[in-house]
Amino acid sequence: MSEEKQSRAYGTLIDRTLRLIKLQFIQAFKKAGVDLTPEQWVIIDELYQRNGISQTDLANGSFKNAPTVSRIIDLLVKKEMVERQRFENDRRRYKIFLTAKGKETFELANPIAQEVRRRGWEGLSDDDYDHFQRIMNQIFTNFDNI
């Protein structure tokens, strides 16, 4: 790759796109009456796939840091969508579970999230996605190895 292209601010492109994606999720959830932020959706989605995991595993699976996940869980507990249960053998750690309300919220939000994702990928192919995923993973690896 040329020096000129290497110096381009691809981070700005990523940030710009991410902000717009989050805004689309916020607007779509609000329009449907779903009381979730995009960050809360990520946690609800991860718990729906792996209910009862530790807070640490939830942070790792959602690619968020532990303090952020803890704050999101606090909000979701207040909304009665998740609950914490202590590990039997380690009173310092918690397993996080979706409540019935959390599962219902997932069922309402999932088709909305799928539609937002589908709209974002309009005009792009499976090959485009494969290239995008490879590129994003390589950028991640480049910075993760520093």
N, C-alpha and C. Protein backbone atom coordinates (compact mmCIF):
# COMPACT_ATOMS: atom_id res chain seq x y z
N MET A 1 0.85 -1.18 0.00
CA MET A 1 0.00 0.00 0.00
C MET A 1 0.89 1.24 0.00
N SER A 2 0.49 2.26 -0.74
CA SER A 2 1.28 3.48 -0.83
C SER A 2 1.30 4.22 0.51
N GLU A 3 2.33 5.02 0.70
CA GLU A 3 2.47 5.82 1.93
C GLU A 3 1.29 6.75 2.11
N GLU A 4 0.82 7.34 1.00
CA GLU A 4 -0.31 8.26 1.06
C GLU A 4 -1.56 7.56 1.58
N LYS A 5 -1.84 6.38 1.05
CA LYS A 5 -3.03 5.64 1.49
C LYS A 5 -2.88 5.18 2.94
N GLN A 6 -1.66 4.81 3.34
CA GLN A 6 -1.46 4.37 4.72
C GLN A 6 -1.73 5.48 5.72
N SER A 7 -1.53 6.72 5.31
CA SER A 7 -1.71 7.83 6.24
C SER A 7 -3.15 8.31 6.32
N ARG A 8 -4.02 7.75 5.51
CA ARG A 8 -5.43 8.16 5.54
C ARG A 8 -6.06 7.78 6.87
N ALA A 9 -6.99 8.57 7.27
CA ALA A 9 -7.61 8.40 8.58
C ALA A 9 -8.77 7.40 8.50
N TYR A 10 -8.44 6.12 8.36
CA TYR A 10 -9.49 5.10 8.28
C TYR A 10 -10.28 5.04 9.59
N GLY A 11 -9.66 5.44 10.69
CA GLY A 11 -10.37 5.48 11.97
C GLY A 11 -11.55 6.43 11.92
N THR A 12 -11.39 7.53 11.18
CA THR A 12 -12.49 8.48 11.02
C THR A 12 -13.65 7.83 10.26
N LEU A 13 -13.32 7.05 9.24
CA LEU A 13 -14.38 6.35 8.49
C LEU A 13 -15.10 5.34 9.38
N ILE A 14 -14.35 4.62 10.19
CA ILE A 14 -14.95 3.64 11.09
C ILE A 14 -15.82 4.35 12.12
N ASP A 15 -15.30 5.42 12.72
CA ASP A 15 -16.03 6.15 13.74
C ASP A 15 -17.31 6.77 13.17
N ARG A 16 -17.20 7.39 12.01
CA ARG A 16 -18.36 8.01 11.37
C ARG A 16 -19.45 6.98 11.12
N THR A 17 -19.06 5.84 10.61
CA THR A 17 -20.02 4.78 10.30
C THR A 17 -20.64 4.22 11.57
N LEU A 18 -19.82 3.98 12.58
CA LEU A 18 -20.34 3.44 13.84
C LEU A 18 -21.35 4.39 14.48
N ARG A 19 -21.06 5.67 14.48
CA ARG A 19 -22.01 6.64 15.06
C ARG A 19 -23.35 6.60 14.33
N LEU A 20 -23.32 6.49 13.01
CA LEU A 20 -24.56 6.44 12.24
C LEU A 20 -25.31 5.13 12.48
N ILE A 21 -24.59 4.03 12.59
CA ILE A 21 -25.23 2.75 12.88
C ILE A 21 -25.93 2.82 14.24
N LYS A 22 -25.24 3.34 15.24
CA LYS A 22 -25.84 3.46 16.58
C LYS A 22 -27.09 4.33 16.54
N LEU A 23 -27.02 5.43 15.81
CA LEU A 23 -28.18 6.31 15.68
C LEU A 23 -29.35 5.58 15.05
N GLN A 24 -29.10 4.77 14.03
CA GLN A 24 -30.16 4.00 13.39
C GLN A 24 -30.80 3.01 14.37
N PHE A 25 -29.98 2.36 15.19
CA PHE A 25 -30.52 1.45 16.21
C PHE A 25 -31.36 2.22 17.22
N ILE A 26 -30.86 3.36 17.69
CA ILE A 26 -31.61 4.17 18.67
C ILE A 26 -32.97 4.55 18.10
N GLN A 27 -32.98 5.07 16.88
CA GLN A 27 -34.24 5.51 16.27
C GLN A 27 -35.20 4.34 16.02
N ALA A 28 -34.68 3.22 15.55
CA ALA A 28 -35.53 2.06 15.27
C ALA A 28 -36.13 1.49 16.56
N PHE A 29 -35.32 1.38 17.61
CA PHE A 29 -35.84 0.89 18.89
C PHE A 29 -36.88 1.85 19.46
N LYS A 30 -36.58 3.14 19.40
CA LYS A 30 -37.52 4.13 19.93
C LYS A 30 -38.85 4.08 19.17
N LYS A 31 -38.78 4.02 17.86
CA LYS A 31 -39.99 3.97 17.03
C LYS A 31 -40.85 2.75 17.38
N ALA A 32 -40.21 1.64 17.71
CA ALA A 32 -40.93 0.41 18.05
C ALA A 32 -41.31 0.34 19.53
N GLY A 33 -40.91 1.33 20.30
CA GLY A 33 -41.23 1.33 21.72
C GLY A 33 -40.39 0.36 22.54
N VAL A 34 -39.20 0.04 22.03
CA VAL A 34 -38.29 -0.87 22.73
C VAL A 34 -37.31 -0.01 23.55
N ASP A 35 -37.32 -0.22 24.86
CA ASP A 35 -36.52 0.60 25.77
C ASP A 35 -35.11 0.05 25.91
N LEU A 36 -34.31 0.20 24.85
CA LEU A 36 -32.93 -0.26 24.83
C LEU A 36 -32.05 0.73 24.09
N THR A 37 -30.80 0.83 24.54
CA THR A 37 -29.77 1.52 23.77
C THR A 37 -29.05 0.45 22.95
N PRO A 38 -28.27 0.85 21.95
CA PRO A 38 -27.49 -0.15 21.21
C PRO A 38 -26.54 -0.94 22.12
N GLU A 39 -25.95 -0.29 23.10
CA GLU A 39 -25.03 -0.96 24.02
C GLU A 39 -25.77 -1.99 24.87
N GLN A 40 -26.97 -1.64 25.32
CA GLN A 40 -27.79 -2.59 26.09
C GLN A 40 -28.23 -3.75 25.20
N TRP A 41 -28.53 -3.46 23.94
CA TRP A 41 -28.91 -4.52 23.02
C TRP A 41 -27.80 -5.56 22.88
N VAL A 42 -26.56 -5.11 22.78
CA VAL A 42 -25.44 -6.05 22.64
C VAL A 42 -25.41 -7.02 23.82
N ILE A 43 -25.64 -6.51 25.03
CA ILE A 43 -25.63 -7.35 26.23
C ILE A 43 -26.83 -8.30 26.24
N ILE A 44 -28.00 -7.79 25.92
CA ILE A 44 -29.20 -8.64 25.85
C ILE A 44 -29.01 -9.74 24.81
N ASP A 45 -28.48 -9.39 23.67
CA ASP A 45 -28.26 -10.36 22.59
C ASP A 45 -27.26 -11.44 23.03
N GLU A 46 -26.18 -11.03 23.65
CA GLU A 46 -25.18 -11.99 24.12
C GLU A 46 -25.77 -12.92 25.18
N LEU A 47 -26.57 -12.37 26.08
CA LEU A 47 -27.19 -13.21 27.11
C LEU A 47 -28.23 -14.16 26.52
N TYR A 48 -28.91 -13.72 25.50
CA TYR A 48 -29.89 -14.61 24.86
C TYR A 48 -29.18 -15.83 24.27
N GLN A 49 -27.98 -15.61 23.76
CA GLN A 49 -27.20 -16.70 23.17
C GLN A 49 -26.54 -17.57 24.25
N ARG A 50 -26.11 -16.92 25.35
CA ARG A 50 -25.35 -17.63 26.39
C ARG A 50 -25.82 -17.20 27.78
N ASN A 51 -27.06 -17.47 28.09
CA ASN A 51 -27.66 -17.03 29.35
C ASN A 51 -26.94 -17.67 30.54
N GLY A 52 -26.75 -16.87 31.60
CA GLY A 52 -26.15 -17.39 32.81
C GLY A 52 -24.64 -17.38 32.81
N ILE A 53 -24.03 -16.60 31.92
CA ILE A 53 -22.56 -16.53 31.89
C ILE A 53 -22.07 -15.52 32.93
N SER A 54 -20.80 -15.61 33.24
CA SER A 54 -20.22 -14.67 34.20
C SER A 54 -20.15 -13.27 33.59
N GLN A 55 -20.04 -12.30 34.46
CA GLN A 55 -19.92 -10.92 34.00
C GLN A 55 -18.65 -10.75 33.17
N THR A 56 -17.59 -11.45 33.54
CA THR A 56 -16.33 -11.39 32.79
C THR A 56 -16.51 -11.97 31.39
N ASP A 57 -17.17 -13.13 31.30
CA ASP A 57 -17.42 -13.74 29.99
C ASP A 57 -18.33 -12.85 29.15
N LEU A 58 -19.27 -12.19 29.80
CA LEU A 58 -20.17 -11.28 29.09
C LEU A 58 -19.38 -10.10 28.52
N ALA A 59 -18.45 -9.58 29.29
CA ALA A 59 -17.61 -8.47 28.80
C ALA A 59 -16.76 -8.93 27.62
N ASN A 60 -16.16 -10.10 27.75
CA ASN A 60 -15.33 -10.62 26.67
C ASN A 60 -16.16 -10.90 25.41
N GLY A 61 -17.32 -11.49 25.57
CA GLY A 61 -18.16 -11.83 24.42
C GLY A 61 -18.76 -10.63 23.73
N SER A 62 -18.90 -9.53 24.47
CA SER A 62 -19.49 -8.32 23.88
C SER A 62 -18.43 -7.31 23.47
N PHE A 63 -17.16 -7.64 23.70
CA PHE A 63 -16.03 -6.76 23.37
C PHE A 63 -16.15 -5.40 24.05
N LYS A 64 -16.64 -5.43 25.29
CA LYS A 64 -16.73 -4.22 26.10
C LYS A 64 -15.89 -4.42 27.36
N ASN A 65 -15.42 -3.32 27.93
CA ASN A 65 -14.62 -3.47 29.14
C ASN A 65 -15.54 -3.75 30.34
N ALA A 66 -14.94 -4.30 31.39
CA ALA A 66 -15.71 -4.75 32.56
C ALA A 66 -16.51 -3.62 33.23
N PRO A 67 -15.94 -2.43 33.45
CA PRO A 67 -16.73 -1.37 34.08
C PRO A 67 -17.95 -0.96 33.23
N THR A 68 -17.79 -0.93 31.92
CA THR A 68 -18.91 -0.59 31.04
C THR A 68 -20.00 -1.63 31.14
N VAL A 69 -19.62 -2.90 31.11
CA VAL A 69 -20.60 -3.98 31.22
C VAL A 69 -21.32 -3.91 32.57
N SER A 70 -20.58 -3.62 33.62
CA SER A 70 -21.18 -3.52 34.95
C SER A 70 -22.24 -2.42 34.98
N ARG A 71 -21.94 -1.26 34.38
CA ARG A 71 -22.92 -0.16 34.33
C ARG A 71 -24.14 -0.54 33.51
N ILE A 72 -23.92 -1.22 32.39
CA ILE A 72 -25.04 -1.63 31.55
C ILE A 72 -25.90 -2.64 32.30
N ILE A 73 -25.27 -3.57 32.98
CA ILE A 73 -26.03 -4.56 33.75
C ILE A 73 -26.84 -3.86 34.84
N ASP A 74 -26.24 -2.89 35.53
CA ASP A 74 -26.98 -2.14 36.55
C ASP A 74 -28.26 -1.54 35.97
N LEU A 75 -28.15 -0.94 34.79
CA LEU A 75 -29.32 -0.34 34.14
C LEU A 75 -30.35 -1.40 33.75
N LEU A 76 -29.86 -2.53 33.24
CA LEU A 76 -30.78 -3.59 32.83
C LEU A 76 -31.43 -4.27 34.03
N VAL A 77 -30.74 -4.30 35.17
CA VAL A 77 -31.36 -4.80 36.41
C VAL A 77 -32.49 -3.87 36.82
N LYS A 78 -32.25 -2.55 36.77
CA LYS A 78 -33.29 -1.58 37.11
C LYS A 78 -34.50 -1.70 36.19
N LYS A 79 -34.25 -2.05 34.92
CA LYS A 79 -35.33 -2.24 33.96
C LYS A 79 -35.97 -3.63 34.08
N GLU A 80 -35.44 -4.44 35.01
CA GLU A 80 -35.93 -5.79 35.28
C GLU A 80 -35.77 -6.73 34.09
N MET A 81 -34.73 -6.50 33.29
CA MET A 81 -34.46 -7.34 32.13
C MET A 81 -33.41 -8.40 32.40
N VAL A 82 -32.55 -8.15 33.39
CA VAL A 82 -31.54 -9.14 33.78
C VAL A 82 -31.47 -9.21 35.29
N GLU A 83 -30.87 -10.30 35.76
CA GLU A 83 -30.62 -10.44 37.19
C GLU A 83 -29.25 -11.06 37.40
N ARG A 84 -28.65 -10.70 38.54
CA ARG A 84 -27.36 -11.25 38.92
C ARG A 84 -27.60 -12.37 39.94
N GLN A 85 -26.81 -13.43 39.80
CA GLN A 85 -26.81 -14.50 40.80
C GLN A 85 -25.36 -14.83 41.12
N ARG A 86 -25.06 -14.91 42.39
CA ARG A 86 -23.68 -15.21 42.80
C ARG A 86 -23.31 -16.65 42.45
N PHE A 87 -22.05 -16.84 42.09
CA PHE A 87 -21.53 -18.19 41.93
C PHE A 87 -21.52 -18.85 43.31
N GLU A 88 -21.84 -20.12 43.37
CA GLU A 88 -21.87 -20.82 44.66
C GLU A 88 -20.49 -20.88 45.30
N ASN A 89 -19.46 -21.12 44.50
CA ASN A 89 -18.12 -21.31 45.05
C ASN A 89 -17.27 -20.04 45.06
N ASP A 90 -17.82 -18.92 44.60
CA ASP A 90 -17.07 -17.67 44.56
C ASP A 90 -18.05 -16.51 44.74
N ARG A 91 -18.17 -16.04 45.96
CA ARG A 91 -19.18 -15.01 46.29
C ARG A 91 -18.85 -13.65 45.68
N ARG A 92 -17.67 -13.49 45.07
CA ARG A 92 -17.31 -12.21 44.46
C ARG A 92 -17.78 -12.12 43.01
N ARG A 93 -18.09 -13.27 42.40
CA ARG A 93 -18.46 -13.31 40.98
C ARG A 93 -19.96 -13.53 40.83
N TYR A 94 -20.47 -13.03 39.69
CA TYR A 94 -21.89 -13.17 39.39
C TYR A 94 -22.10 -13.85 38.05
N LYS A 95 -23.18 -14.61 37.98
CA LYS A 95 -23.71 -15.09 36.70
C LYS A 95 -24.83 -14.12 36.36
N ILE A 96 -24.97 -13.82 35.08
CA ILE A 96 -25.99 -12.88 34.63
C ILE A 96 -27.03 -13.65 33.82
N PHE A 97 -28.29 -13.44 34.17
CA PHE A 97 -29.39 -14.13 33.51
C PHE A 97 -30.40 -13.13 32.97
N LEU A 98 -30.96 -13.46 31.82
CA LEU A 98 -32.11 -12.71 31.33
C LEU A 98 -33.33 -13.10 32.16
N THR A 99 -34.15 -12.12 32.47
CA THR A 99 -35.43 -12.40 33.11
C THR A 99 -36.46 -12.65 32.01
N ALA A 100 -37.67 -12.96 32.41
CA ALA A 100 -38.75 -13.13 31.43
C ALA A 100 -38.93 -11.83 30.63
N LYS A 101 -38.84 -10.69 31.30
CA LYS A 101 -38.95 -9.41 30.61
C LYS A 101 -37.78 -9.20 29.65
N GLY A 102 -36.58 -9.64 30.03
CA GLY A 102 -35.42 -9.54 29.16
C GLY A 102 -35.57 -10.38 27.91
N LYS A 103 -36.11 -11.60 28.08
CA LYS A 103 -36.34 -12.48 26.93
C LYS A 103 -37.40 -11.89 26.01
N GLU A 104 -38.44 -11.32 26.61
CA GLU A 104 -39.50 -10.68 25.81
C GLU A 104 -38.93 -9.48 25.04
N THR A 105 -38.07 -8.72 25.70
CA THR A 105 -37.45 -7.56 25.04
C THR A 105 -36.57 -8.02 23.89
N PHE A 106 -35.81 -9.10 24.10
CA PHE A 106 -35.01 -9.65 23.00
C PHE A 106 -35.90 -10.00 21.82
N GLU A 107 -37.00 -10.67 22.07
CA GLU A 107 -37.91 -11.12 21.00
C GLU A 107 -38.47 -9.92 20.23
N LEU A 108 -38.72 -8.82 20.92
CA LEU A 108 -39.20 -7.61 20.25
C LEU A 108 -38.08 -6.91 19.48
N ALA A 109 -36.89 -6.85 20.08
CA ALA A 109 -35.78 -6.08 19.51
C ALA A 109 -35.06 -6.82 18.39
N ASN A 110 -35.01 -8.14 18.43
CA ASN A 110 -34.22 -8.89 17.46
C ASN A 110 -34.64 -8.63 16.01
N PRO A 111 -35.92 -8.68 15.66
CA PRO A 111 -36.28 -8.38 14.27
C PRO A 111 -35.91 -6.95 13.86
N ILE A 112 -35.98 -6.03 14.80
CA ILE A 112 -35.61 -4.64 14.52
C ILE A 112 -34.12 -4.56 14.24
N ALA A 113 -33.32 -5.21 15.08
CA ALA A 113 -31.86 -5.22 14.89
C ALA A 113 -31.50 -5.87 13.56
N GLN A 114 -32.16 -6.96 13.24
CA GLN A 114 -31.88 -7.65 11.98
C GLN A 114 -32.21 -6.74 10.79
N GLU A 115 -33.28 -5.99 10.88
CA GLU A 115 -33.67 -5.08 9.79
C GLU A 115 -32.66 -3.93 9.66
N VAL A 116 -32.22 -3.38 10.77
CA VAL A 116 -31.20 -2.31 10.71
C VAL A 116 -29.93 -2.86 10.06
N ARG A 117 -29.52 -4.05 10.46
CA ARG A 117 -28.32 -4.65 9.87
C ARG A 117 -28.52 -4.91 8.38
N ARG A 118 -29.69 -5.40 8.00
CA ARG A 118 -29.97 -5.68 6.58
C ARG A 118 -29.89 -4.39 5.76
N ARG A 119 -30.50 -3.32 6.27
CA ARG A 119 -30.46 -2.03 5.54
C ARG A 119 -29.03 -1.54 5.38
N GLY A 120 -28.22 -1.75 6.39
CA GLY A 120 -26.83 -1.31 6.33
C GLY A 120 -26.02 -2.08 5.30
N TRP A 121 -26.47 -3.27 4.96
CA TRP A 121 -25.71 -4.10 4.03
C TRP A 121 -26.30 -4.10 2.63
N GLU A 122 -27.33 -3.28 2.40
CA GLU A 122 -27.94 -3.22 1.06
C GLU A 122 -26.89 -2.87 0.01
N GLY A 123 -26.97 -3.54 -1.13
CA GLY A 123 -26.05 -3.26 -2.23
C GLY A 123 -24.69 -3.92 -2.09
N LEU A 124 -24.51 -4.69 -1.04
CA LEU A 124 -23.24 -5.36 -0.81
C LEU A 124 -23.46 -6.87 -0.83
N SER A 125 -22.44 -7.61 -1.23
CA SER A 125 -22.56 -9.05 -1.40
C SER A 125 -21.95 -9.81 -0.22
N ASP A 126 -22.12 -11.12 -0.25
CA ASP A 126 -21.46 -11.97 0.75
C ASP A 126 -19.95 -11.85 0.64
N ASP A 127 -19.44 -11.75 -0.59
CA ASP A 127 -18.00 -11.55 -0.77
C ASP A 127 -17.54 -10.23 -0.15
N ASP A 128 -18.37 -9.18 -0.31
CA ASP A 128 -18.04 -7.90 0.31
C ASP A 128 -17.94 -8.06 1.83
N TYR A 129 -18.89 -8.80 2.40
CA TYR A 129 -18.85 -9.02 3.84
C TYR A 129 -17.59 -9.78 4.24
N ASP A 130 -17.24 -10.79 3.48
CA ASP A 130 -16.03 -11.57 3.79
C ASP A 130 -14.78 -10.68 3.76
N HIS A 131 -14.69 -9.79 2.76
CA HIS A 131 -13.56 -8.86 2.67
C HIS A 131 -13.58 -7.87 3.84
N PHE A 132 -14.76 -7.34 4.13
CA PHE A 132 -14.92 -6.40 5.24
C PHE A 132 -14.47 -7.04 6.55
N GLN A 133 -14.94 -8.25 6.80
CA GLN A 133 -14.60 -8.96 8.03
C GLN A 133 -13.09 -9.22 8.11
N ARG A 134 -12.50 -9.64 7.02
CA ARG A 134 -11.06 -9.88 7.00
C ARG A 134 -10.29 -8.60 7.29
N ILE A 135 -10.69 -7.51 6.66
CA ILE A 135 -10.01 -6.22 6.85
C ILE A 135 -10.15 -5.75 8.29
N MET A 136 -11.35 -5.79 8.83
CA MET A 136 -11.57 -5.33 10.21
C MET A 136 -10.80 -6.20 11.19
N ASN A 137 -10.78 -7.50 10.96
CA ASN A 137 -10.03 -8.39 11.84
C ASN A 137 -8.54 -8.12 11.76
N GLN A 138 -8.04 -7.80 10.57
CA GLN A 138 -6.62 -7.50 10.42
C GLN A 138 -6.26 -6.20 11.14
N ILE A 139 -7.09 -5.19 11.00
CA ILE A 139 -6.84 -3.92 11.70
C ILE A 139 -6.84 -4.17 13.21
N PHE A 140 -7.81 -4.95 13.68
CA PHE A 140 -7.88 -5.28 15.10
C PHE A 140 -6.60 -5.99 15.55
N THR A 141 -6.18 -6.98 14.80
CA THR A 141 -4.97 -7.73 15.13
C THR A 141 -3.75 -6.83 15.14
N ASN A 142 -3.65 -5.93 14.16
CA ASN A 142 -2.52 -5.01 14.10
C ASN A 142 -2.41 -4.18 15.37
N PHE A 143 -3.53 -3.70 15.89
CA PHE A 143 -3.50 -2.88 17.10
C PHE A 143 -3.43 -3.73 18.35
N ASP A 144 -4.02 -4.90 18.32
CA ASP A 144 -4.00 -5.77 19.50
C ASP A 144 -2.61 -6.29 19.79
N ASN A 145 -1.77 -6.38 18.77
CA ASN A 145 -0.41 -6.90 18.93
C ASN A 145 0.60 -5.84 19.32
N ILE A 146 0.17 -4.62 19.50
CA ILE A 146 1.10 -3.53 19.86
C ILE A 146 1.45 -3.60 21.33
